[in-house]
């Protein structure tokens, strides 16, 4: 099972080997695009961005309705850690036109028991493995690649458990995947969420792997073994989680859905946490979608529209911040046991290329702000994403809606944006602003827009 972050341990013993190593955080002066593996590119060619739903409780009733509710939520892949227990779910998912993926619990024979069902897509070779657990996963990874050469095989990492380089060398993953859940029940956001994203971005880029992550979709009222209770994320939270990840080069994501939680994406009033209740207690009529379900469903089409470009882009250069200093402007603790220590240096955005500055015009406090990140494509064209970092407990996307101003070089009369709602590239006129130009637009809470310079060069969109 994916577990949430052990917060106290992070505060006292943690590394953040992150956020800037030389060229990784330097501005994008040189062309930085690179291809993924031929296997991954073939796998991703005709698929949408991974938007996976984990269903790991054991219900047998209303299976078709359960899968239909997931599909209606925008999910395209059904995930289950124990494949031997999930044949009925995989069959229903396949019948509904969804793909499925599994963990390795039960070993290769458990996965083989489901291989006859169409739609097998990924296999998690371990969840949050520690360094000492990696050798035992090697033969499973090798056998998975041998038996199912077209299926993606990789582990899901808790990024402090294992050395990233050793993990890649041993497991040879097709994807760099991790989990960190940032939304605390007391209303705070985890101090090192943005550092986590950057650390994993560094590792993914170093090994030229696509970058996937779990997005928080659950709450938890007790501390358990995490040291921190969590809140069910609302619209602005979910969008903040997703768009900050996409701005760091994210290429796929997944969510807990049904898991027997009373504070989950699908809340289940009939069982206790972690799906430990008896099978008969997992009744469909005792389940109801939470705020997180509707937030995930709402943003799904926007994610897929942006994916048409993001698949062909690579995150590069530095990421800059405006406001919201509590999210990025602090020094994480260091930890050197499993990973090399990098200089940690998130920076305020001071302009890059033709973008002079950016600001929130109607921020309600200094806790709000913007993120600006950069990408390039195979042809060397520059793109950038602007994310409204406004989010919070029980905040919907309209509550967090803010007006953004970009200040541009005087030569920038027009700028292009990929419309999140239509998937079409639109050309926006800028306005005179002193001796420069400006573009004012609104962004919902936690949401980002993707831009490109209007220079006569086409966007690197899928299929073009």
Foldseek 3Di string as FASTA:
>chain_A
DADAAQQVCQQPANALQFDDDPFQAAACPDQQDDAADPLVCVLPQPDFFAAEEEAEFQADPPLLVVLVLVVLLLHQEYEYAQQLRCLVNQQSSVVVNHAYEYEQVVHPVSVVVNVVRPRYAEYAQEEADAAVCLVVSQVRLVVCCVVPVNHFYYHEHQVRRAFLVVRCVRNVGQAHEYEHEFAFPVKGGRQCPLSVLRSSLVSCSVVVHAYEYEYEQFWADDCPSRNTTGAGFAQLRRLLRVVSNVLSLHRHYYYYDHQQDCTGQWHAPQGYPRNPDDNVSRDPVRIDGDNSSNSSSVQSLLSRLVNQQSVQKRWGYRKAKDFLCSRQVDDGDRHPPRYHHHDRDHYHDCDDDFFRDKFFPDDPDSNWIKMKTWIAGPVGFIKIKIWTQAGIDPAHQANQKTKMKTWGAQVQQWWWWQDSVPSDIDIGGWDDDPNTTMDIDMGTRSHMIMIGGPDPDDRNGNPD
